[in-house]
Protein backbone atom coordinates (compact mmCIF):
# COMPACT_ATOMS: atom_id res chain seq x y z
CA MET A 1 0.50 -8.33 -20.31
CA ALA A 2 2.47 -5.33 -19.21
CA SER A 3 3.46 -2.57 -21.63
CA ILE A 4 4.11 -3.95 -25.09
CA SER A 5 5.69 -2.36 -28.14
CA TYR A 6 4.46 -3.13 -31.65
CA ALA A 7 6.25 -2.58 -34.90
CA ALA A 8 3.01 -1.16 -36.21
CA SER A 9 -0.31 -0.09 -34.79
CA PRO A 10 -2.34 -3.30 -34.23
CA SER A 11 -6.06 -3.42 -34.82
CA SER A 12 -8.13 -4.24 -31.75
CA SER A 13 -9.88 -7.00 -33.67
CA SER A 14 -6.60 -8.89 -34.03
CA LEU A 15 -6.26 -9.46 -30.28
CA SER A 16 -8.02 -11.86 -27.94
CA PRO A 17 -10.51 -10.40 -25.40
CA PHE A 18 -8.01 -10.98 -22.58
CA ARG A 19 -5.48 -8.79 -24.35
CA LYS A 20 -7.65 -5.99 -25.72
CA PHE A 21 -5.33 -3.06 -25.42
CA VAL A 22 -5.84 0.68 -25.30
CA TYR A 23 -3.29 3.27 -26.27
CA VAL A 24 -2.10 5.24 -23.26
CA ASN A 25 0.35 8.12 -22.86
CA HIS A 26 2.98 8.73 -25.52
CA LEU A 27 0.50 8.73 -28.40
CA HIS A 28 2.49 11.56 -29.89
CA LYS A 29 5.37 9.18 -30.54
CA SER A 30 6.01 7.20 -33.67
CA PRO A 31 3.93 4.03 -34.24
CA SER A 32 6.88 1.84 -33.34
CA SER A 33 6.97 3.24 -29.80
CA TYR A 34 3.27 3.08 -28.91
CA ASN A 35 2.74 1.78 -25.37
CA VAL A 36 -0.32 -0.28 -24.58
CA SER A 37 -1.67 -1.83 -21.40
CA THR A 38 -4.16 -4.53 -20.41
CA PRO A 39 -6.82 -5.33 -19.29
CA LEU A 40 -9.53 -2.67 -19.47
CA PHE A 41 -11.95 -3.63 -16.74
CA LYS A 42 -11.42 -2.77 -13.07
CA PRO A 43 -12.91 -5.48 -10.81
CA LEU A 44 -13.87 -5.08 -7.18
CA THR A 45 -10.98 -4.45 -4.79
CA LEU A 46 -11.07 -5.25 -1.09
CA ASN A 47 -9.87 -1.80 -0.08
CA LYS A 48 -8.12 -0.96 3.13
CA ALA A 49 -10.55 0.56 5.63
CA LYS A 50 -10.00 2.49 8.85
CA ASN A 51 -13.07 1.06 10.57
CA PRO A 52 -15.78 -1.58 10.02
CA ASP A 53 -18.27 1.09 8.95
CA ASP A 54 -16.05 2.29 6.12
CA LYS A 55 -18.13 2.11 2.95
CA SER A 56 -15.09 0.96 0.98
CA LEU A 57 -15.79 -2.53 2.32
CA LYS A 58 -19.24 -2.61 0.78
CA HIS A 59 -19.53 -4.63 -2.41
CA PRO A 60 -21.21 -2.85 -5.33
CA HIS A 61 -24.27 -4.35 -6.98
CA PRO A 62 -23.36 -7.08 -9.47
CA ARG A 63 -23.13 -5.83 -13.03
CA SER A 64 -25.07 -7.24 -15.94
CA ALA A 65 -23.13 -8.48 -18.95
CA SER A 66 -24.10 -5.38 -20.89
CA SER A 67 -23.06 -2.98 -18.13
CA ALA A 68 -19.79 -4.85 -17.64
CA THR A 69 -19.06 -4.44 -21.33
CA ALA A 70 -19.73 -0.72 -21.07
CA VAL A 71 -17.40 -0.42 -18.10
CA ALA A 72 -14.73 -2.48 -19.84
CA SER A 73 -14.77 -0.15 -22.79
CA SER A 74 -13.95 2.89 -20.68
CA VAL A 75 -11.88 1.75 -17.72
CA GLN A 76 -8.24 0.73 -17.86
CA THR A 77 -6.82 -1.68 -15.29
CA GLN A 78 -3.31 -2.86 -14.59
CA PRO A 79 -2.27 -6.52 -14.31
CA LEU A 80 -2.36 -8.21 -10.89
CA LYS A 81 1.35 -7.78 -10.37
CA ALA A 82 1.22 -4.05 -11.04
CA ARG A 83 -1.80 -3.61 -8.78
CA LEU A 84 0.01 -5.34 -5.94
CA LYS A 85 2.98 -3.02 -6.44
CA ASN A 86 0.55 -0.13 -6.14
CA GLY A 87 -0.49 -1.34 -2.69
CA GLU A 88 -3.93 -2.71 -3.55
CA THR A 89 -5.48 -5.54 -1.55
CA LEU A 90 -7.08 -7.98 -4.00
CA TYR A 91 -10.10 -10.20 -3.42
CA GLY A 92 -10.66 -13.42 -5.33
CA ILE A 93 -12.41 -16.75 -5.71
CA PHE A 94 -11.31 -20.34 -6.39
CA LEU A 95 -13.05 -22.21 -9.20
CA LEU A 96 -13.18 -26.00 -8.78
CA SER A 97 -16.22 -26.81 -10.90
CA PHE A 98 -14.52 -25.95 -14.22
CA SER A 99 -17.82 -24.41 -15.31
CA PRO A 100 -17.30 -21.56 -17.81
CA THR A 101 -20.71 -20.22 -16.79
CA LEU A 102 -19.72 -19.95 -13.12
CA ALA A 103 -16.37 -18.49 -14.17
CA GLU A 104 -18.18 -15.82 -16.16
CA ILE A 105 -20.54 -15.06 -13.27
CA ALA A 106 -17.56 -14.74 -10.94
CA GLY A 107 -15.97 -12.25 -13.30
CA LEU A 108 -19.17 -10.23 -13.68
CA ALA A 109 -19.63 -10.24 -9.88
CA GLY A 110 -16.44 -8.21 -9.59
CA TYR A 111 -13.74 -10.45 -8.15
CA ASP A 112 -10.23 -9.10 -8.73
CA PHE A 113 -8.96 -12.56 -9.68
CA ALA A 114 -10.11 -16.14 -10.05
CA VAL A 115 -7.97 -19.21 -9.41
CA VAL A 116 -8.83 -22.11 -11.70
CA ASP A 117 -7.87 -25.01 -9.45
CA MET A 118 -6.37 -28.02 -11.20
CA GLU A 119 -5.00 -29.38 -7.90
CA HIS A 120 -8.30 -30.18 -6.20
CA GLY A 121 -10.74 -29.58 -9.03
CA HIS A 122 -11.50 -32.47 -11.38
CA GLY A 123 -10.22 -30.82 -14.55
CA GLY A 124 -6.96 -30.38 -16.38
CA ILE A 125 -5.58 -28.07 -19.05
CA SER A 126 -8.32 -28.66 -21.63
CA ASP A 127 -10.98 -28.05 -18.96
CA ALA A 128 -9.27 -24.90 -17.71
CA LEU A 129 -9.15 -23.21 -21.12
CA PRO A 130 -12.91 -22.51 -21.43
CA CYS A 131 -12.84 -20.99 -17.94
CA LEU A 132 -9.95 -18.71 -18.92
CA ARG A 133 -11.89 -17.59 -21.97
CA ALA A 134 -14.97 -16.88 -19.84
CA LEU A 135 -12.89 -14.85 -17.40
CA ALA A 136 -11.23 -13.00 -20.27
CA ALA A 137 -14.65 -11.96 -21.54
CA THR A 138 -15.19 -10.13 -18.24
CA ASN A 139 -11.60 -8.83 -18.09
CA THR A 140 -10.97 -10.76 -14.86
CA ALA A 141 -7.44 -11.93 -14.09
CA ALA A 142 -6.99 -15.71 -14.13
CA ILE A 143 -4.54 -17.71 -12.04
CA LEU A 144 -3.92 -21.41 -12.66
CA ARG A 145 -3.13 -23.67 -9.70
CA LEU A 146 -1.16 -26.70 -10.81
CA PRO A 147 -1.86 -30.25 -9.61
CA GLU A 148 1.85 -30.61 -8.88
CA SER A 149 5.01 -28.55 -9.15
CA SER A 150 6.60 -29.81 -12.33
CA ALA A 151 8.06 -28.38 -15.52
CA THR A 152 5.51 -30.19 -17.70
CA TRP A 153 2.43 -28.89 -15.88
CA ALA A 154 3.91 -25.38 -15.68
CA LYS A 155 4.67 -25.35 -19.41
CA LYS A 156 1.17 -26.38 -20.41
CA ALA A 157 -0.44 -23.95 -17.97
CA LEU A 158 1.69 -20.97 -18.99
CA ASP A 159 1.01 -21.58 -22.68
CA LEU A 160 -2.66 -20.80 -21.93
CA GLY A 161 -1.68 -17.29 -20.88
CA PRO A 162 -2.86 -16.83 -17.27
CA GLN A 163 -1.81 -13.73 -15.34
CA GLY A 164 -0.62 -15.92 -12.48
CA ILE A 165 0.53 -19.46 -11.75
CA MET A 166 0.39 -21.21 -8.36
CA PHE A 167 2.73 -24.04 -7.38
CA PRO A 168 1.50 -26.35 -4.57
CA MET A 169 3.55 -27.96 -1.80
CA ILE A 170 6.64 -25.73 -1.86
CA ASP A 171 8.63 -26.78 1.21
CA SER A 172 12.11 -25.35 0.65
CA PRO A 173 14.06 -22.62 -1.16
CA LYS A 174 15.29 -25.31 -3.56
CA SER A 175 11.77 -26.29 -4.62
CA ALA A 176 10.88 -22.60 -4.95
CA ARG A 177 13.85 -21.98 -7.26
CA LYS A 178 12.78 -24.95 -9.37
CA ALA A 179 9.26 -23.54 -9.63
CA VAL A 180 10.61 -20.19 -10.80
CA SER A 181 12.82 -21.90 -13.39
CA TYR A 182 9.77 -23.64 -14.86
CA CYS A 183 8.33 -20.20 -15.68
CA HIS A 184 11.25 -18.77 -17.64
CA PHE A 185 12.67 -19.59 -21.03
CA PRO A 186 16.39 -20.46 -21.31
CA PRO A 187 18.89 -19.28 -20.31
CA ASN A 188 16.96 -18.04 -17.23
CA GLY A 189 14.92 -21.21 -16.87
CA VAL A 190 13.79 -24.48 -18.42
CA ARG A 191 10.39 -23.61 -19.89
CA GLY A 192 9.79 -25.18 -23.27
CA SER A 193 9.12 -22.73 -26.07
CA ALA A 194 6.22 -22.62 -28.51
CA HIS A 195 5.62 -18.90 -28.09
CA THR A 196 4.87 -18.37 -31.78
CA ILE A 197 1.66 -20.42 -31.69
CA VAL A 198 0.23 -20.60 -28.14
CA ARG A 199 -2.58 -18.60 -26.57
CA ALA A 200 -0.22 -16.81 -24.17
CA SER A 201 1.18 -14.78 -27.08
CA ASP A 202 -2.20 -14.43 -28.80
CA TYR A 203 -1.13 -17.32 -31.03
CA GLY A 204 1.90 -15.36 -32.17
CA ILE A 205 0.04 -12.11 -32.94
CA ASN A 206 1.48 -10.40 -29.85
CA GLU A 207 5.01 -9.71 -31.03
CA GLY A 208 6.03 -8.22 -27.68
CA TYR A 209 5.28 -11.34 -25.63
CA LEU A 210 8.87 -12.47 -25.10
CA SER A 211 9.92 -9.01 -23.97
CA ASN A 212 7.17 -8.64 -21.39
CA TYR A 213 5.89 -11.97 -20.08
CA GLU A 214 8.28 -12.12 -17.12
CA GLU A 215 7.27 -8.67 -15.95
CA ALA A 216 3.56 -9.47 -16.11
CA LEU A 217 3.51 -13.05 -14.73
CA LEU A 218 2.69 -13.48 -11.03
CA ILE A 219 4.54 -16.52 -9.63
CA MET A 220 2.92 -17.90 -6.47
CA CYS A 221 4.41 -20.57 -4.21
CA GLN A 222 2.08 -22.34 -1.82
CA VAL A 223 3.58 -23.08 1.60
CA GLU A 224 1.36 -25.60 3.35
CA SER A 225 3.38 -27.88 5.61
CA GLU A 226 5.12 -27.69 8.96
CA GLU A 227 8.45 -28.16 7.19
CA GLY A 228 7.65 -25.37 4.74
CA VAL A 229 6.69 -22.74 7.29
CA LYS A 230 9.99 -23.27 9.09
CA LYS A 231 11.76 -22.06 5.94
CA ILE A 232 9.15 -19.60 4.75
CA ASP A 233 11.42 -16.57 5.11
CA GLU A 234 13.99 -18.24 2.84
CA ILE A 235 11.30 -19.31 0.35
CA SER A 236 9.84 -15.81 0.13
CA ALA A 237 13.30 -14.39 -0.49
CA VAL A 238 13.95 -16.57 -3.56
CA ASP A 239 14.45 -14.38 -6.62
CA GLY A 240 11.40 -14.64 -8.85
CA VAL A 241 8.91 -15.68 -6.16
CA ASP A 242 6.29 -12.94 -6.23
CA CYS A 243 3.77 -14.24 -3.73
CA ILE A 244 3.50 -16.77 -0.89
CA GLN A 245 0.14 -18.54 -0.73
CA MET A 246 -0.59 -19.95 2.71
CA GLY A 247 -2.28 -23.38 2.85
CA PRO A 248 -4.05 -23.68 6.22
CA LEU A 249 -5.74 -27.05 5.66
CA ASP A 250 -2.64 -28.98 4.60
CA LEU A 251 -0.63 -27.18 7.27
CA SER A 252 -3.06 -28.27 9.98
CA ALA A 253 -2.95 -31.84 8.62
CA SER A 254 0.85 -31.90 8.68
CA MET A 255 0.72 -30.79 12.33
CA GLY A 256 -1.73 -33.57 13.26
CA TYR A 257 -4.87 -31.41 13.33
CA LEU A 258 -6.61 -32.49 10.13
CA TRP A 259 -10.05 -32.12 11.74
CA ASP A 260 -9.19 -28.95 13.60
CA PRO A 261 -7.61 -26.32 11.30
CA GLY A 262 -8.63 -23.62 13.78
CA ASN A 263 -6.59 -25.20 16.57
CA LYS A 264 -4.66 -22.72 18.69
CA LYS A 265 -1.31 -24.32 17.79
CA VAL A 266 -2.08 -24.13 14.06
CA LYS A 267 -3.06 -20.47 14.43
CA GLU A 268 0.21 -19.71 16.21
CA VAL A 269 2.25 -21.30 13.42
CA MET A 270 0.20 -19.46 10.78
CA ARG A 271 0.68 -16.10 12.49
CA SER A 272 4.41 -16.68 12.81
CA ALA A 273 4.67 -17.59 9.12
CA GLU A 274 2.62 -14.55 8.09
CA LYS A 275 4.87 -12.21 10.07
CA ALA A 276 7.97 -13.77 8.49
CA VAL A 277 6.66 -13.05 4.99
CA LEU A 278 5.39 -9.57 5.78
CA GLY A 279 8.53 -8.64 7.67
CA ALA A 280 10.98 -9.67 4.96
CA LYS A 281 12.71 -6.77 3.24
CA ASN A 282 11.86 -6.83 -0.48
CA GLY A 283 10.07 -10.12 0.16
CA ALA A 284 7.05 -11.70 -1.49
CA TYR A 285 3.42 -10.67 -1.22
CA LEU A 286 1.17 -12.67 1.12
CA ALA A 287 -1.92 -14.52 -0.11
CA GLY A 288 -4.32 -16.92 1.55
CA PHE A 289 -7.74 -18.57 1.90
CA ALA A 290 -10.46 -17.35 4.22
CA MET A 291 -11.70 -19.98 6.68
CA PRO A 292 -14.76 -20.22 8.96
CA HIS A 293 -12.53 -19.13 11.83
CA ASP A 294 -10.58 -16.56 9.78
CA SER A 295 -12.63 -14.08 7.75
CA PRO A 296 -11.41 -12.16 4.68
CA GLU A 297 -11.66 -8.93 6.66
CA ASN A 298 -9.44 -10.28 9.45
CA MET A 299 -6.88 -11.46 6.93
CA ARG A 300 -6.84 -8.05 5.28
CA LEU A 301 -6.27 -6.38 8.63
CA ARG A 302 -3.31 -8.69 9.31
CA GLY A 303 -1.65 -7.52 6.10
CA TYR A 304 -2.63 -10.07 3.44
CA HIS A 305 -2.24 -8.67 -0.06
CA MET A 306 -4.47 -11.25 -1.78
CA VAL A 307 -7.46 -12.91 -0.13
CA ALA A 308 -9.57 -15.71 -1.59
CA GLY A 309 -12.90 -15.55 0.20
CA ALA A 310 -14.96 -18.17 -1.60
CA MET A 311 -15.04 -21.25 -3.82
CA ASP A 312 -17.65 -21.77 -6.52
CA VAL A 313 -18.54 -25.28 -5.32
CA GLY A 314 -18.86 -24.08 -1.73
CA LEU A 315 -21.07 -21.15 -2.69
CA PHE A 316 -23.42 -23.40 -4.68
CA ARG A 317 -23.42 -26.06 -1.93
CA ASN A 318 -24.40 -23.52 0.72
CA ALA A 319 -27.11 -22.01 -1.45
CA ALA A 320 -28.51 -25.43 -2.39
CA VAL A 321 -28.55 -26.74 1.17
CA GLU A 322 -30.23 -23.57 2.43
CA ASP A 323 -32.81 -23.69 -0.37
CA VAL A 324 -33.79 -27.30 0.42
CA LYS A 325 -33.78 -26.60 4.16
CA LYS A 326 -36.11 -23.65 3.72
CA PHE A 327 -38.58 -25.71 1.71
CA LYS A 328 -38.49 -28.68 4.11
CA MET A 329 -39.08 -26.36 7.05
CA SER A 330 -42.15 -24.96 5.30
CA LEU A 331 -43.48 -28.51 4.86
CA ASP A 332 -42.89 -29.27 8.55
CA LYS A 333 -44.69 -26.08 9.49
CA GLU A 334 -47.68 -26.99 7.32
CA SER A 335 -47.72 -30.53 8.76
CA ASN A 336 -47.74 -29.18 12.30
CA GLU A 337 -50.57 -26.82 11.44
CA GLU A 338 -52.55 -29.67 9.86
CA ARG A 339 -52.01 -31.83 12.96
CA GLU A 340 -53.22 -29.00 15.16
CA GLU A 341 -56.35 -28.58 13.01
CA ILE A 342 -57.08 -32.31 13.22
CA LYS A 343 -56.54 -32.29 16.98
CA ASP A 344 -58.83 -29.28 17.43
CA ALA A 345 -61.52 -30.93 15.34
CA ASP A 346 -61.18 -34.19 17.30
CA ASP A 347 -61.36 -32.39 20.64
CA LYS A 348 -64.45 -30.50 19.48
CA TYR A 349 -66.15 -33.74 18.37
CA TRP A 350 -65.65 -35.45 21.74
CA SER A 351 -66.62 -32.37 23.68
CA GLU A 352 -69.97 -32.31 21.89
């Protein structure tokens, strides 16, 4: 949430962890004009650095749950949208496992945001909710990626109260305008209303929700086809589109390079699309995925405002494969040593 006004001073116990507010500035005013902001915890930011040795690129040690709680109680952070306006470069992770435990670990590790992925992950709305609660416990911003760009999916996702929403397969200004309309209540859009009872408004406890949700919500349109990148400047200029998320894998597939996303031609199209977004006056922010051939640091240097550098499933896969490999190699080493011992003993026997 952005700044919210209450008719009376609310007790902190009446709000969900994701919307624990602190009073800031203007405390000398009357109770009806108190301004409050959320959330409290400041996650790791991929800061801009002048050179590779700049210590601002170094990640801090992961925090324990207890230390994270202590930090959360004393540090105030702005929503994603406000942080982008302030010029921050944000670093995040995609969550496809729908594991609340991994979501909580991701938040404690210090990511600026986590995308709960309902497009390629197995889960839906009911599976996403526990992950949002886990992220809220660590004061980490949650973004929901929809399985498709539709009013129904957007409505159900927004009612959960994420800080951001990501629409896949946006190929034209028309589809971008539709996506934006799904996020706003009439007369500015077509979003269905149940704001008095859903999680987004703290189940109706947050009386300022209707006045502030548009300001706080980060609307992301994913451009991931050859057709889409040709119109990316028009898409990024659509009123209400806050961020363009590049989709390198689907883009490479649409160009005929499914097995070669690092192909020179794909890179050229990507770079052209990036420049179109970054060069637009009053245009959208630029977000994207890191790839084996395109590191988070390189993306930051090219001007990306939001970089997703990892996926929970990928991190676990890599760790698991490496763990098994290490053990198997130790067995092979022992087997070789045993064979050498047997050979030496055999040679000694025959030499005697």
